[in-house]
Amino acid sequence: MSNRTDKEHVLYEFAAEPAHDRDTLERYLTRYPELTEDLIDLSAELRLNETLELKPAEALPDPGLQAAWKQFLGSRPAKPPDVQVVDLFAPYKGPAFVALAQALKVPRSILTAIRDGLVTPASVPAGFLRRFAQATAVPVESVRASLLGESRVHAALAFKSDTKPTQQTPITFRAFVLKTPMPDDQRALLLSECDEDERP
C-alpha cells in the first residue's frame, strides 16, 4: 500500500464483502499483510454489528434468559423529558463507522470504547460531545442523554463466548486517550477538550 487512499479502498472493499467470516478475513490478510491490524479491527466491528442485529429472543433461546433480558432492558435510567435517547452508533457500521472516526479525527478504538461502555460516559468532554453531535446531526442533549442512559452491556455476545465473560471496569475518557496509540495532533485535540471541562 503506497498511500491512505489505497488502504481505505481495501477496507471499503472488505466491508462490502457478502460474508465477513474467517475465510474472507484470511484471504484479505494474505493479500494485504501490512493492513493486518486494520482488517482485524474492521472484521470484529462488522461481526459485532451483525450479531447485535439479532433480536434478543433469537440471541437468547432460553425463556429464563429472555425474562432476564427484558428485566435488564427495563432497568435503564429514565431519560430527561423532551430529550430523545437514540442508538447513536446504529447508522454507523463498517465504512460509515470508519468515516465517522475520520470526521471526528479520532482512532476507531475511541468510538468503539465509548459505544461499548469502556469509557465512563460522564467523563466524555463537552467539546467532544458537541463535535460528535455536529458530525452525526443529533442534538447534543440527545447525544449526552443517550450515552448516559443506554446500556452498553452486549449480553447477546456474552452467551456466545467460549469462556466466562468478565465485565471490564470503565475508565475515564482522558485515561483512555492517554493509553490509546494515535497521532500527537489527535491526542492534543482530545486532551484539550478534557482540559476545557476541568477548568474552574
N, C-alpha and C. Protein backbone atom coordinates (compact mmCIF):
# COMPACT_ATOMS: atom_id res chain seq x y z
N MET A 1 0.85 -1.18 0.00
CA MET A 1 0.00 0.00 0.00
C MET A 1 0.89 1.23 0.00
N SER A 2 0.67 2.09 -0.95
CA SER A 2 1.54 3.26 -1.03
C SER A 2 0.92 4.49 -0.41
N ASN A 3 -0.38 4.53 -0.22
CA ASN A 3 -0.99 5.72 0.38
C ASN A 3 -2.29 5.37 1.09
N ARG A 4 -2.83 6.37 1.79
CA ARG A 4 -4.04 6.18 2.60
C ARG A 4 -5.24 5.80 1.75
N THR A 5 -5.32 6.37 0.52
CA THR A 5 -6.45 6.07 -0.35
C THR A 5 -6.52 4.59 -0.65
N ASP A 6 -5.35 3.97 -0.92
CA ASP A 6 -5.34 2.54 -1.19
C ASP A 6 -5.82 1.76 0.03
N LYS A 7 -5.37 2.17 1.21
CA LYS A 7 -5.77 1.49 2.45
C LYS A 7 -7.28 1.57 2.63
N GLU A 8 -7.85 2.78 2.50
CA GLU A 8 -9.29 2.94 2.67
C GLU A 8 -10.06 2.15 1.61
N HIS A 9 -9.52 2.10 0.39
CA HIS A 9 -10.18 1.33 -0.66
C HIS A 9 -10.27 -0.15 -0.28
N VAL A 10 -9.17 -0.69 0.27
CA VAL A 10 -9.16 -2.10 0.68
C VAL A 10 -10.17 -2.32 1.80
N LEU A 11 -10.22 -1.40 2.78
CA LEU A 11 -11.16 -1.56 3.90
C LEU A 11 -12.61 -1.48 3.43
N TYR A 12 -12.90 -0.56 2.50
CA TYR A 12 -14.25 -0.48 1.95
C TYR A 12 -14.60 -1.76 1.18
N GLU A 13 -13.62 -2.25 0.44
CA GLU A 13 -13.83 -3.48 -0.33
C GLU A 13 -14.13 -4.65 0.61
N PHE A 14 -13.38 -4.73 1.72
CA PHE A 14 -13.62 -5.79 2.71
C PHE A 14 -15.01 -5.65 3.32
N ALA A 15 -15.38 -4.40 3.67
CA ALA A 15 -16.69 -4.18 4.29
C ALA A 15 -17.83 -4.56 3.35
N ALA A 16 -17.60 -4.45 2.06
CA ALA A 16 -18.64 -4.74 1.07
C ALA A 16 -18.78 -6.24 0.77
N GLU A 17 -17.86 -7.04 1.29
CA GLU A 17 -17.94 -8.49 1.06
C GLU A 17 -19.25 -9.03 1.62
N PRO A 18 -19.86 -10.03 0.96
CA PRO A 18 -21.13 -10.58 1.44
C PRO A 18 -21.00 -11.31 2.78
N ALA A 19 -19.82 -11.86 3.06
CA ALA A 19 -19.61 -12.55 4.35
C ALA A 19 -18.30 -12.05 4.95
N HIS A 20 -18.29 -11.93 6.27
CA HIS A 20 -17.09 -11.46 6.97
C HIS A 20 -16.57 -12.57 7.88
N ASP A 21 -16.54 -13.79 7.32
CA ASP A 21 -16.11 -14.94 8.11
C ASP A 21 -14.59 -15.08 8.08
N ARG A 22 -14.13 -16.15 8.71
CA ARG A 22 -12.68 -16.38 8.82
C ARG A 22 -12.01 -16.50 7.45
N ASP A 23 -12.66 -17.19 6.51
CA ASP A 23 -12.07 -17.38 5.19
C ASP A 23 -11.86 -16.05 4.48
N THR A 24 -12.88 -15.18 4.57
CA THR A 24 -12.76 -13.86 3.92
C THR A 24 -11.63 -13.06 4.55
N LEU A 25 -11.58 -13.07 5.89
CA LEU A 25 -10.53 -12.33 6.58
C LEU A 25 -9.15 -12.86 6.20
N GLU A 26 -8.99 -14.18 6.20
CA GLU A 26 -7.68 -14.76 5.87
C GLU A 26 -7.26 -14.42 4.44
N ARG A 27 -8.23 -14.38 3.54
CA ARG A 27 -7.92 -14.03 2.15
C ARG A 27 -7.36 -12.62 2.07
N TYR A 28 -7.99 -11.68 2.79
CA TYR A 28 -7.51 -10.29 2.79
C TYR A 28 -6.18 -10.15 3.52
N LEU A 29 -6.01 -10.90 4.62
CA LEU A 29 -4.75 -10.81 5.36
C LEU A 29 -3.59 -11.33 4.53
N THR A 30 -3.86 -12.34 3.70
CA THR A 30 -2.82 -12.87 2.83
C THR A 30 -2.45 -11.86 1.76
N ARG A 31 -3.46 -11.18 1.20
CA ARG A 31 -3.22 -10.21 0.13
C ARG A 31 -2.64 -8.90 0.65
N TYR A 32 -3.04 -8.50 1.89
CA TYR A 32 -2.63 -7.20 2.42
C TYR A 32 -2.08 -7.36 3.85
N PRO A 33 -0.94 -8.03 4.02
CA PRO A 33 -0.42 -8.26 5.37
C PRO A 33 -0.10 -6.96 6.12
N GLU A 34 0.20 -5.90 5.37
CA GLU A 34 0.52 -4.62 6.03
C GLU A 34 -0.71 -3.98 6.67
N LEU A 35 -1.92 -4.48 6.35
CA LEU A 35 -3.16 -3.95 6.92
C LEU A 35 -3.77 -4.91 7.94
N THR A 36 -2.94 -5.79 8.50
CA THR A 36 -3.44 -6.82 9.41
C THR A 36 -4.29 -6.22 10.53
N GLU A 37 -3.74 -5.23 11.24
CA GLU A 37 -4.46 -4.67 12.40
C GLU A 37 -5.78 -4.02 11.97
N ASP A 38 -5.74 -3.25 10.88
CA ASP A 38 -6.95 -2.57 10.41
C ASP A 38 -8.01 -3.58 9.97
N LEU A 39 -7.59 -4.62 9.27
CA LEU A 39 -8.55 -5.61 8.78
C LEU A 39 -9.17 -6.40 9.94
N ILE A 40 -8.36 -6.74 10.93
CA ILE A 40 -8.90 -7.48 12.08
C ILE A 40 -9.87 -6.61 12.85
N ASP A 41 -9.51 -5.32 13.05
CA ASP A 41 -10.42 -4.39 13.75
C ASP A 41 -11.75 -4.28 13.01
N LEU A 42 -11.66 -4.08 11.69
CA LEU A 42 -12.87 -3.90 10.90
C LEU A 42 -13.71 -5.19 10.89
N SER A 43 -13.04 -6.34 10.79
CA SER A 43 -13.75 -7.61 10.81
C SER A 43 -14.51 -7.79 12.12
N ALA A 44 -13.85 -7.47 13.23
CA ALA A 44 -14.51 -7.59 14.54
C ALA A 44 -15.70 -6.65 14.63
N GLU A 45 -15.52 -5.44 14.13
CA GLU A 45 -16.60 -4.44 14.16
C GLU A 45 -17.80 -4.91 13.34
N LEU A 46 -17.54 -5.42 12.15
CA LEU A 46 -18.63 -5.88 11.28
C LEU A 46 -19.34 -7.10 11.88
N ARG A 47 -18.57 -8.03 12.43
CA ARG A 47 -19.19 -9.22 13.02
C ARG A 47 -19.99 -8.87 14.27
N LEU A 48 -19.50 -7.91 15.05
CA LEU A 48 -20.23 -7.45 16.23
C LEU A 48 -21.56 -6.85 15.81
N ASN A 49 -21.54 -5.99 14.81
CA ASN A 49 -22.78 -5.36 14.35
C ASN A 49 -23.77 -6.39 13.81
N GLU A 50 -23.25 -7.38 13.08
CA GLU A 50 -24.13 -8.42 12.55
C GLU A 50 -24.77 -9.22 13.69
N THR A 51 -23.99 -9.48 14.74
CA THR A 51 -24.52 -10.23 15.89
C THR A 51 -25.57 -9.42 16.63
N LEU A 52 -25.30 -8.12 16.81
CA LEU A 52 -26.23 -7.29 17.57
C LEU A 52 -27.53 -7.02 16.83
N GLU A 53 -27.55 -7.30 15.52
CA GLU A 53 -28.80 -7.13 14.77
C GLU A 53 -29.80 -8.23 15.11
N LEU A 54 -29.33 -9.32 15.75
CA LEU A 54 -30.26 -10.35 16.19
C LEU A 54 -31.21 -9.78 17.24
N LYS A 55 -32.45 -10.19 17.19
CA LYS A 55 -33.38 -9.78 18.24
C LYS A 55 -33.01 -10.56 19.50
N PRO A 56 -33.25 -9.98 20.69
CA PRO A 56 -32.93 -10.70 21.92
C PRO A 56 -33.53 -12.10 21.98
N ALA A 57 -34.75 -12.28 21.48
CA ALA A 57 -35.39 -13.60 21.52
C ALA A 57 -34.61 -14.61 20.69
N GLU A 58 -34.00 -14.15 19.58
CA GLU A 58 -33.22 -15.05 18.75
C GLU A 58 -31.88 -15.34 19.40
N ALA A 59 -31.31 -14.34 20.05
CA ALA A 59 -30.00 -14.50 20.66
C ALA A 59 -30.09 -15.28 21.97
N LEU A 60 -31.24 -15.23 22.63
CA LEU A 60 -31.40 -15.85 23.94
C LEU A 60 -32.56 -16.85 23.89
N PRO A 61 -32.31 -18.08 23.42
CA PRO A 61 -33.41 -19.03 23.25
C PRO A 61 -34.03 -19.51 24.56
N ASP A 62 -33.31 -19.48 25.65
CA ASP A 62 -33.82 -19.94 26.94
C ASP A 62 -34.83 -18.93 27.48
N PRO A 63 -36.07 -19.36 27.83
CA PRO A 63 -37.08 -18.42 28.34
C PRO A 63 -36.61 -17.66 29.58
N GLY A 64 -35.82 -18.31 30.43
CA GLY A 64 -35.30 -17.63 31.61
C GLY A 64 -34.37 -16.48 31.22
N LEU A 65 -33.57 -16.70 30.19
CA LEU A 65 -32.68 -15.65 29.73
C LEU A 65 -33.47 -14.52 29.10
N GLN A 66 -34.54 -14.86 28.38
CA GLN A 66 -35.38 -13.82 27.77
C GLN A 66 -35.99 -12.94 28.86
N ALA A 67 -36.47 -13.56 29.95
CA ALA A 67 -37.07 -12.78 31.04
C ALA A 67 -36.02 -11.89 31.69
N ALA A 68 -34.81 -12.42 31.88
CA ALA A 68 -33.73 -11.63 32.48
C ALA A 68 -33.36 -10.46 31.56
N TRP A 69 -33.35 -10.74 30.25
CA TRP A 69 -33.03 -9.69 29.27
C TRP A 69 -34.07 -8.56 29.34
N LYS A 70 -35.35 -8.92 29.40
CA LYS A 70 -36.41 -7.91 29.47
C LYS A 70 -36.29 -7.09 30.76
N GLN A 71 -35.97 -7.78 31.85
CA GLN A 71 -35.81 -7.07 33.13
C GLN A 71 -34.61 -6.12 33.05
N PHE A 72 -33.55 -6.58 32.41
CA PHE A 72 -32.34 -5.76 32.27
C PHE A 72 -32.65 -4.51 31.44
N LEU A 73 -33.36 -4.69 30.34
CA LEU A 73 -33.71 -3.53 29.50
C LEU A 73 -34.62 -2.57 30.24
N GLY A 74 -35.46 -3.09 31.12
CA GLY A 74 -36.36 -2.23 31.88
C GLY A 74 -35.69 -1.46 33.00
N SER A 75 -34.43 -1.79 33.28
CA SER A 75 -33.74 -1.12 34.39
C SER A 75 -32.94 0.09 33.95
N ARG A 76 -33.07 0.50 32.71
CA ARG A 76 -32.35 1.69 32.24
C ARG A 76 -32.82 2.92 32.99
N PRO A 77 -31.91 3.85 33.25
CA PRO A 77 -32.32 5.10 33.90
C PRO A 77 -33.33 5.85 33.04
N ALA A 78 -34.23 6.55 33.70
CA ALA A 78 -35.22 7.33 32.97
C ALA A 78 -34.53 8.47 32.24
N LYS A 79 -34.95 8.72 31.02
CA LYS A 79 -34.35 9.83 30.27
C LYS A 79 -35.01 11.14 30.68
N PRO A 80 -34.28 12.24 30.56
CA PRO A 80 -34.87 13.54 30.86
C PRO A 80 -36.03 13.82 29.90
N PRO A 81 -37.05 14.55 30.35
CA PRO A 81 -38.17 14.84 29.46
C PRO A 81 -37.74 15.65 28.26
N ASP A 82 -38.41 15.40 27.13
CA ASP A 82 -38.17 16.12 25.88
C ASP A 82 -36.78 15.91 25.29
N VAL A 83 -36.05 14.93 25.76
CA VAL A 83 -34.75 14.61 25.17
C VAL A 83 -34.83 13.20 24.62
N GLN A 84 -34.58 13.07 23.34
CA GLN A 84 -34.72 11.77 22.70
C GLN A 84 -33.45 10.95 22.89
N VAL A 85 -33.59 9.75 23.46
CA VAL A 85 -32.47 8.83 23.59
C VAL A 85 -32.46 7.95 22.34
N VAL A 86 -31.33 7.91 21.65
CA VAL A 86 -31.23 7.16 20.41
C VAL A 86 -30.02 6.24 20.48
N ASP A 87 -30.00 5.24 19.60
CA ASP A 87 -28.82 4.40 19.46
C ASP A 87 -27.86 5.16 18.55
N LEU A 88 -26.89 5.82 19.16
CA LEU A 88 -26.01 6.73 18.43
C LEU A 88 -25.22 6.05 17.32
N PHE A 89 -24.89 4.78 17.52
CA PHE A 89 -24.00 4.12 16.57
C PHE A 89 -24.72 3.22 15.57
N ALA A 90 -26.04 3.12 15.68
CA ALA A 90 -26.79 2.24 14.77
C ALA A 90 -26.56 2.57 13.29
N PRO A 91 -26.53 3.87 12.91
CA PRO A 91 -26.33 4.17 11.49
C PRO A 91 -24.88 4.02 11.03
N TYR A 92 -23.98 3.74 11.96
CA TYR A 92 -22.55 3.76 11.63
C TYR A 92 -21.96 2.37 11.76
N LYS A 93 -21.98 1.66 10.63
CA LYS A 93 -21.45 0.31 10.58
C LYS A 93 -20.46 0.23 9.42
N GLY A 94 -19.43 -0.55 9.60
CA GLY A 94 -18.46 -0.75 8.53
C GLY A 94 -17.84 0.56 8.07
N PRO A 95 -17.93 0.85 6.76
CA PRO A 95 -17.30 2.06 6.23
C PRO A 95 -17.85 3.35 6.87
N ALA A 96 -19.12 3.37 7.23
CA ALA A 96 -19.69 4.56 7.86
C ALA A 96 -19.05 4.82 9.22
N PHE A 97 -18.70 3.74 9.94
CA PHE A 97 -18.04 3.88 11.23
C PHE A 97 -16.64 4.47 11.03
N VAL A 98 -15.95 3.97 10.00
CA VAL A 98 -14.61 4.48 9.67
C VAL A 98 -14.70 5.96 9.32
N ALA A 99 -15.70 6.32 8.51
CA ALA A 99 -15.87 7.72 8.09
C ALA A 99 -16.18 8.62 9.28
N LEU A 100 -16.98 8.13 10.23
CA LEU A 100 -17.30 8.92 11.42
C LEU A 100 -16.04 9.18 12.24
N ALA A 101 -15.21 8.16 12.41
CA ALA A 101 -13.96 8.34 13.16
C ALA A 101 -13.07 9.36 12.46
N GLN A 102 -13.02 9.30 11.14
CA GLN A 102 -12.21 10.28 10.39
C GLN A 102 -12.76 11.69 10.55
N ALA A 103 -14.08 11.83 10.51
CA ALA A 103 -14.69 13.16 10.65
C ALA A 103 -14.41 13.75 12.03
N LEU A 104 -14.35 12.89 13.04
CA LEU A 104 -14.09 13.35 14.41
C LEU A 104 -12.60 13.45 14.72
N LYS A 105 -11.76 12.98 13.78
CA LYS A 105 -10.30 12.99 13.97
C LYS A 105 -9.88 12.18 15.19
N VAL A 106 -10.44 10.97 15.29
CA VAL A 106 -10.09 10.06 16.38
C VAL A 106 -9.86 8.66 15.81
N PRO A 107 -9.06 7.84 16.50
CA PRO A 107 -8.96 6.43 16.10
C PRO A 107 -10.30 5.74 16.31
N ARG A 108 -10.58 4.72 15.53
CA ARG A 108 -11.83 3.97 15.69
C ARG A 108 -11.96 3.39 17.08
N SER A 109 -10.83 3.08 17.72
CA SER A 109 -10.88 2.47 19.05
C SER A 109 -11.52 3.40 20.08
N ILE A 110 -11.42 4.72 19.89
CA ILE A 110 -12.06 5.67 20.81
C ILE A 110 -13.58 5.53 20.71
N LEU A 111 -14.10 5.52 19.47
CA LEU A 111 -15.55 5.38 19.28
C LEU A 111 -16.04 4.01 19.77
N THR A 112 -15.26 2.98 19.49
CA THR A 112 -15.63 1.64 19.94
C THR A 112 -15.71 1.59 21.46
N ALA A 113 -14.75 2.21 22.13
CA ALA A 113 -14.74 2.22 23.60
C ALA A 113 -15.95 2.95 24.16
N ILE A 114 -16.32 4.08 23.54
CA ILE A 114 -17.49 4.83 24.00
C ILE A 114 -18.75 3.99 23.78
N ARG A 115 -18.87 3.41 22.60
CA ARG A 115 -20.04 2.61 22.26
C ARG A 115 -20.19 1.40 23.18
N ASP A 116 -19.07 0.76 23.51
CA ASP A 116 -19.12 -0.49 24.27
C ASP A 116 -19.03 -0.29 25.78
N GLY A 117 -19.06 0.96 26.23
CA GLY A 117 -19.07 1.23 27.67
C GLY A 117 -17.73 1.05 28.35
N LEU A 118 -16.64 1.12 27.60
CA LEU A 118 -15.31 1.02 28.20
C LEU A 118 -14.86 2.36 28.76
N VAL A 119 -15.60 3.42 28.39
CA VAL A 119 -15.30 4.77 28.88
C VAL A 119 -16.49 5.23 29.72
N THR A 120 -16.20 5.84 30.88
CA THR A 120 -17.26 6.38 31.73
C THR A 120 -17.98 7.49 30.96
N PRO A 121 -19.28 7.34 30.68
CA PRO A 121 -19.98 8.33 29.85
C PRO A 121 -19.88 9.76 30.39
N ALA A 122 -19.94 9.92 31.70
CA ALA A 122 -19.90 11.27 32.28
C ALA A 122 -18.55 11.94 32.09
N SER A 123 -17.50 11.16 31.76
CA SER A 123 -16.17 11.75 31.60
C SER A 123 -15.90 12.21 30.17
N VAL A 124 -16.82 11.92 29.24
CA VAL A 124 -16.62 12.36 27.85
C VAL A 124 -16.79 13.87 27.82
N PRO A 125 -15.77 14.62 27.36
CA PRO A 125 -15.82 16.09 27.44
C PRO A 125 -16.89 16.71 26.56
N ALA A 126 -17.37 17.86 27.00
CA ALA A 126 -18.43 18.57 26.28
C ALA A 126 -18.01 18.92 24.86
N GLY A 127 -16.74 19.29 24.69
CA GLY A 127 -16.27 19.64 23.34
C GLY A 127 -16.37 18.47 22.38
N PHE A 128 -16.03 17.28 22.85
CA PHE A 128 -16.14 16.09 22.02
C PHE A 128 -17.60 15.79 21.73
N LEU A 129 -18.47 15.94 22.75
CA LEU A 129 -19.91 15.69 22.54
C LEU A 129 -20.46 16.64 21.48
N ARG A 130 -20.03 17.90 21.52
CA ARG A 130 -20.50 18.87 20.51
C ARG A 130 -20.05 18.46 19.11
N ARG A 131 -18.79 18.05 18.99
CA ARG A 131 -18.29 17.63 17.67
C ARG A 131 -19.00 16.37 17.19
N PHE A 132 -19.27 15.44 18.13
CA PHE A 132 -19.99 14.22 17.78
C PHE A 132 -21.40 14.56 17.30
N ALA A 133 -22.06 15.48 18.02
CA ALA A 133 -23.42 15.89 17.66
C ALA A 133 -23.44 16.51 16.27
N GLN A 134 -22.45 17.35 15.99
CA GLN A 134 -22.40 18.01 14.68
C GLN A 134 -22.15 16.98 13.56
N ALA A 135 -21.24 16.03 13.81
CA ALA A 135 -20.91 15.03 12.78
C ALA A 135 -22.06 14.07 12.52
N THR A 136 -22.90 13.82 13.53
CA THR A 136 -23.98 12.84 13.38
C THR A 136 -25.35 13.48 13.19
N ALA A 137 -25.41 14.82 13.26
CA ALA A 137 -26.68 15.55 13.14
C ALA A 137 -27.69 15.13 14.20
N VAL A 138 -27.18 14.84 15.40
CA VAL A 138 -28.02 14.51 16.55
C VAL A 138 -27.85 15.64 17.56
N PRO A 139 -28.94 16.16 18.13
CA PRO A 139 -28.80 17.24 19.12
C PRO A 139 -27.86 16.82 20.26
N VAL A 140 -27.04 17.76 20.70
CA VAL A 140 -26.05 17.44 21.72
C VAL A 140 -26.70 16.92 23.00
N GLU A 141 -27.90 17.41 23.34
CA GLU A 141 -28.60 16.90 24.53
C GLU A 141 -28.94 15.43 24.37
N SER A 142 -29.33 15.04 23.14
CA SER A 142 -29.65 13.64 22.88
C SER A 142 -28.39 12.77 22.92
N VAL A 143 -27.28 13.32 22.42
CA VAL A 143 -26.02 12.58 22.49
C VAL A 143 -25.66 12.30 23.94
N ARG A 144 -25.73 13.34 24.77
CA ARG A 144 -25.38 13.20 26.19
C ARG A 144 -26.34 12.22 26.88
N ALA A 145 -27.64 12.40 26.66
CA ALA A 145 -28.63 11.53 27.31
C ALA A 145 -28.48 10.08 26.84
N SER A 146 -28.16 9.90 25.57
CA SER A 146 -28.02 8.55 25.04
C SER A 146 -26.81 7.85 25.64
N LEU A 147 -25.71 8.57 25.79
CA LEU A 147 -24.52 7.97 26.39
C LEU A 147 -24.75 7.61 27.85
N LEU A 148 -25.46 8.47 28.56
CA LEU A 148 -25.71 8.23 29.98
C LEU A 148 -26.82 7.20 30.20
N GLY A 149 -27.80 7.16 29.29
CA GLY A 149 -28.97 6.32 29.52
C GLY A 149 -28.94 4.95 28.89
N GLU A 150 -28.12 4.77 27.86
CA GLU A 150 -28.13 3.48 27.17
C GLU A 150 -27.26 2.48 27.87
N SER A 151 -27.71 1.24 27.88
CA SER A 151 -26.88 0.16 28.42
C SER A 151 -25.87 -0.22 27.37
N ARG A 152 -24.65 -0.48 27.79
CA ARG A 152 -23.60 -0.85 26.86
C ARG A 152 -23.19 -2.31 27.00
N VAL A 153 -23.91 -3.08 27.81
CA VAL A 153 -23.53 -4.48 28.00
C VAL A 153 -24.11 -5.30 26.86
N HIS A 154 -23.27 -5.91 26.07
CA HIS A 154 -23.73 -6.71 24.94
C HIS A 154 -23.94 -8.14 25.39
N ALA A 155 -25.07 -8.37 26.06
CA ALA A 155 -25.34 -9.67 26.66
C ALA A 155 -25.41 -10.77 25.62
N ALA A 156 -25.95 -10.46 24.44
CA ALA A 156 -26.06 -11.50 23.42
C ALA A 156 -24.71 -12.07 23.07
N LEU A 157 -23.67 -11.22 23.06
CA LEU A 157 -22.34 -11.71 22.75
C LEU A 157 -21.79 -12.56 23.88
N ALA A 158 -22.10 -12.20 25.11
CA ALA A 158 -21.57 -12.93 26.25
C ALA A 158 -22.03 -14.38 26.21
N PHE A 159 -23.25 -14.64 25.76
CA PHE A 159 -23.76 -16.00 25.72
C PHE A 159 -23.12 -16.82 24.62
N LYS A 160 -22.51 -16.16 23.62
CA LYS A 160 -21.85 -16.87 22.54
C LYS A 160 -20.39 -17.17 22.87
N SER A 161 -19.88 -16.61 23.95
CA SER A 161 -18.46 -16.74 24.28
C SER A 161 -18.14 -18.15 24.75
N ASP A 162 -16.91 -18.62 24.44
CA ASP A 162 -16.45 -19.92 24.90
C ASP A 162 -15.97 -19.87 26.33
N THR A 163 -15.63 -18.67 26.81
CA THR A 163 -15.14 -18.52 28.17
C THR A 163 -16.10 -17.67 28.96
N LYS A 164 -15.99 -17.74 30.28
CA LYS A 164 -16.87 -16.96 31.14
C LYS A 164 -16.59 -15.48 30.93
N PRO A 165 -17.63 -14.69 30.59
CA PRO A 165 -17.39 -13.28 30.32
C PRO A 165 -17.07 -12.51 31.60
N THR A 166 -16.21 -11.51 31.46
CA THR A 166 -15.92 -10.62 32.57
C THR A 166 -16.17 -9.20 32.09
N GLN A 167 -16.81 -8.41 32.92
CA GLN A 167 -17.11 -7.05 32.52
C GLN A 167 -15.95 -6.15 32.91
N GLN A 168 -15.45 -5.42 31.93
CA GLN A 168 -14.33 -4.53 32.16
C GLN A 168 -14.83 -3.26 32.83
N THR A 169 -14.10 -2.81 33.85
CA THR A 169 -14.48 -1.58 34.54
C THR A 169 -14.20 -0.39 33.64
N PRO A 170 -15.19 0.48 33.41
CA PRO A 170 -14.95 1.64 32.57
C PRO A 170 -13.90 2.56 33.17
N ILE A 171 -13.16 3.25 32.30
CA ILE A 171 -12.18 4.23 32.74
C ILE A 171 -12.56 5.59 32.18
N THR A 172 -11.90 6.63 32.63
CA THR A 172 -12.25 7.97 32.16
C THR A 172 -11.82 8.14 30.70
N PHE A 173 -12.47 9.08 30.06
CA PHE A 173 -12.14 9.41 28.67
C PHE A 173 -10.66 9.81 28.58
N ARG A 174 -10.20 10.67 29.51
CA ARG A 174 -8.80 11.11 29.49
C ARG A 174 -7.85 9.92 29.59
N ALA A 175 -8.12 8.99 30.51
CA ALA A 175 -7.25 7.83 30.69
C ALA A 175 -7.21 6.98 29.43
N PHE A 176 -8.36 6.83 28.78
CA PHE A 176 -8.40 6.02 27.55
C PHE A 176 -7.61 6.70 26.44
N VAL A 177 -7.74 8.02 26.34
CA VAL A 177 -6.98 8.78 25.32
C VAL A 177 -5.48 8.62 25.56
N LEU A 178 -5.06 8.69 26.81
CA LEU A 178 -3.63 8.60 27.14
C LEU A 178 -3.05 7.23 26.82
N LYS A 179 -3.86 6.17 26.92
CA LYS A 179 -3.31 4.82 26.70
C LYS A 179 -3.53 4.31 25.27
N THR A 180 -4.27 5.07 24.44
CA THR A 180 -4.56 4.62 23.08
C THR A 180 -3.54 5.19 22.09
N PRO A 181 -2.92 4.33 21.27
CA PRO A 181 -1.99 4.84 20.25
C PRO A 181 -2.73 5.70 19.23
N MET A 182 -2.19 6.89 18.97
CA MET A 182 -2.78 7.80 17.98
C MET A 182 -1.77 8.88 17.65
N PRO A 183 -1.96 9.60 16.55
CA PRO A 183 -1.07 10.71 16.22
C PRO A 183 -1.13 11.80 17.30
N ASP A 184 -0.03 12.52 17.46
CA ASP A 184 0.07 13.54 18.50
C ASP A 184 -1.00 14.62 18.36
N ASP A 185 -1.33 15.00 17.12
CA ASP A 185 -2.32 16.08 16.94
C ASP A 185 -3.71 15.64 17.40
N GLN A 186 -4.05 14.36 17.16
CA GLN A 186 -5.34 13.85 17.63
C GLN A 186 -5.38 13.82 19.16
N ARG A 187 -4.29 13.34 19.77
CA ARG A 187 -4.24 13.28 21.23
C ARG A 187 -4.34 14.68 21.83
N ALA A 188 -3.64 15.64 21.23
CA ALA A 188 -3.66 17.01 21.75
C ALA A 188 -5.07 17.59 21.69
N LEU A 189 -5.78 17.34 20.60
CA LEU A 189 -7.15 17.84 20.47
C LEU A 189 -8.05 17.26 21.57
N LEU A 190 -7.99 15.95 21.75
CA LEU A 190 -8.86 15.29 22.74
C LEU A 190 -8.50 15.72 24.17
N LEU A 191 -7.22 15.83 24.46
CA LEU A 191 -6.82 16.25 25.81
C LEU A 191 -7.19 17.71 26.07
N SER A 192 -7.13 18.55 25.01
CA SER A 192 -7.54 19.95 25.20
C SER A 192 -9.03 20.03 25.53
N GLU A 193 -9.83 19.14 24.93
CA GLU A 193 -11.26 19.11 25.26
C GLU A 193 -11.47 18.66 26.70
N CYS A 194 -10.66 17.70 27.15
CA CYS A 194 -10.73 17.29 28.56
C CYS A 194 -10.35 18.46 29.48
N ASP A 195 -9.30 19.18 29.10
CA ASP A 195 -8.83 20.31 29.91
C ASP A 195 -9.90 21.39 30.04
N GLU A 196 -10.64 21.63 28.95
CA GLU A 196 -11.69 22.67 28.99
C GLU A 196 -12.74 22.33 30.05
N ASP A 197 -13.09 21.06 30.17
CA ASP A 197 -14.08 20.65 31.15
C ASP A 197 -13.56 20.78 32.59
N GLU A 198 -12.26 20.69 32.76
CA GLU A 198 -11.68 20.69 34.11
C GLU A 198 -11.33 22.09 34.60
N ARG A 199 -11.44 23.10 33.72
CA ARG A 199 -11.14 24.46 34.17
C ARG A 199 -12.27 24.97 35.06
N PRO A 200 -11.91 25.74 36.13
CA PRO A 200 -12.95 26.26 37.02
C PRO A 200 -13.81 27.30 36.35
